[in-house]
Amino acid sequence: IIQCVEVLMISSNVKDIMEDKGITYIELERRTGLSNHTITRARSDSIRECRLYTLEAIAKALGVRTYDLYDDGLGDGEDWEEFPRAGK
């Protein structure tokens, strides 16, 4: 039996934060040591995959919390639902 699980899309706030703080790609590259390609992916509309190290580096460079870099769509106070385990 194959179960389909709805994928949680995470929206990136990196672009907006960079614009609000007046920080360019080049400045963020310098502050984080990350490549232009990595920063471009982090700025895209939705985040599919991102290392915690990358989020931490960007958050530190922008002076925000890691959680501020994205919107998980759950809103404040909503609880995560546990995914069912295989075989149950």
Protein backbone atom coordinates (compact mmCIF):
# COMPACT_ATOMS: atom_id res chain seq x y z
CA ILE A 1 0.00 0.00 0.00
CA ILE A 2 1.38 3.37 -0.99
CA GLN A 3 0.22 6.42 0.93
CA CYS A 4 0.39 9.90 -0.54
CA VAL A 5 1.51 12.57 1.86
CA GLU A 6 0.85 16.23 1.22
CA VAL A 7 4.18 18.03 0.96
CA LEU A 8 4.55 21.12 3.11
CA MET A 9 5.77 23.97 0.94
CA ILE A 10 8.03 26.39 2.72
CA SER A 11 8.07 29.93 1.37
CA SER A 12 11.33 31.85 1.51
CA ASN A 13 11.49 35.31 3.11
CA VAL A 14 15.19 35.78 2.29
CA LYS A 15 14.59 38.04 -0.73
CA ASP A 16 12.26 40.34 1.23
CA ILE A 17 14.62 40.53 4.21
CA MET A 18 17.57 41.34 1.94
CA GLU A 19 15.56 44.10 0.25
CA ASP A 20 14.34 45.51 3.60
CA LYS A 21 17.91 45.64 4.91
CA GLY A 22 19.42 46.88 1.62
CA ILE A 23 21.76 43.89 1.37
CA THR A 24 22.91 42.79 -2.08
CA TYR A 25 23.89 39.33 -3.32
CA ILE A 26 27.55 40.33 -3.23
CA GLU A 27 27.30 41.58 0.35
CA LEU A 28 25.47 38.43 1.48
CA GLU A 29 28.06 36.26 -0.28
CA ARG A 30 30.83 38.15 1.54
CA ARG A 31 29.11 37.91 4.93
CA THR A 32 28.22 34.22 4.65
CA GLY A 33 30.91 32.70 2.47
CA LEU A 34 28.12 30.98 0.51
CA SER A 35 28.07 30.80 -3.27
CA ASN A 36 25.86 32.97 -5.45
CA HIS A 37 24.06 29.79 -6.54
CA THR A 38 23.21 28.87 -2.93
CA ILE A 39 21.95 32.37 -2.17
CA THR A 40 19.86 32.34 -5.36
CA ARG A 41 18.22 29.07 -4.26
CA ALA A 42 17.57 30.44 -0.75
CA ARG A 43 15.93 33.54 -2.27
CA SER A 44 13.58 31.58 -4.54
CA ASP A 45 9.85 31.60 -3.81
CA SER A 46 9.80 28.17 -2.20
CA ILE A 47 12.44 26.15 -0.41
CA ARG A 48 12.58 22.47 -1.23
CA GLU A 49 15.78 21.60 0.55
CA CYS A 50 18.26 23.61 2.55
CA ARG A 51 20.99 22.68 5.02
CA LEU A 52 20.68 24.02 8.53
CA TYR A 53 24.21 25.40 8.18
CA THR A 54 23.05 27.49 5.21
CA LEU A 55 20.03 28.86 7.05
CA GLU A 56 22.16 29.68 10.10
CA ALA A 57 24.77 31.50 7.99
CA ILE A 58 22.16 33.56 6.15
CA ALA A 59 20.23 34.39 9.33
CA LYS A 60 23.39 35.51 11.13
CA ALA A 61 24.46 37.64 8.15
CA LEU A 62 21.03 39.28 7.96
CA GLY A 63 20.70 39.74 11.72
CA VAL A 64 17.50 37.69 12.02
CA ARG A 65 16.42 34.38 13.52
CA THR A 66 16.64 31.29 11.33
CA TYR A 67 12.86 30.93 11.60
CA ASP A 68 12.43 34.42 10.10
CA LEU A 69 13.90 33.21 6.80
CA TYR A 70 10.87 31.15 5.85
CA ASP A 71 7.13 30.75 6.28
CA ASP A 72 6.04 27.18 6.88
CA GLY A 73 2.38 27.99 6.27
CA LEU A 74 1.33 26.71 9.67
CA GLY A 75 0.88 30.11 11.28
CA ASP A 76 1.45 30.90 14.91
CA GLY A 77 0.13 28.41 17.40
CA GLU A 78 -0.73 25.65 14.96
CA ASP A 79 0.71 22.27 15.84
CA TRP A 80 2.49 19.93 13.49
CA GLU A 81 0.62 16.73 12.79
CA GLU A 82 2.68 13.61 13.17
CA PHE A 83 2.98 11.59 10.00
CA PRO A 84 1.71 8.02 10.31
CA ARG A 85 4.48 5.44 10.60
CA ALA A 86 4.80 2.71 8.01
CA GLY A 87 2.92 -0.44 8.91
CA LYS A 88 0.44 1.29 11.22
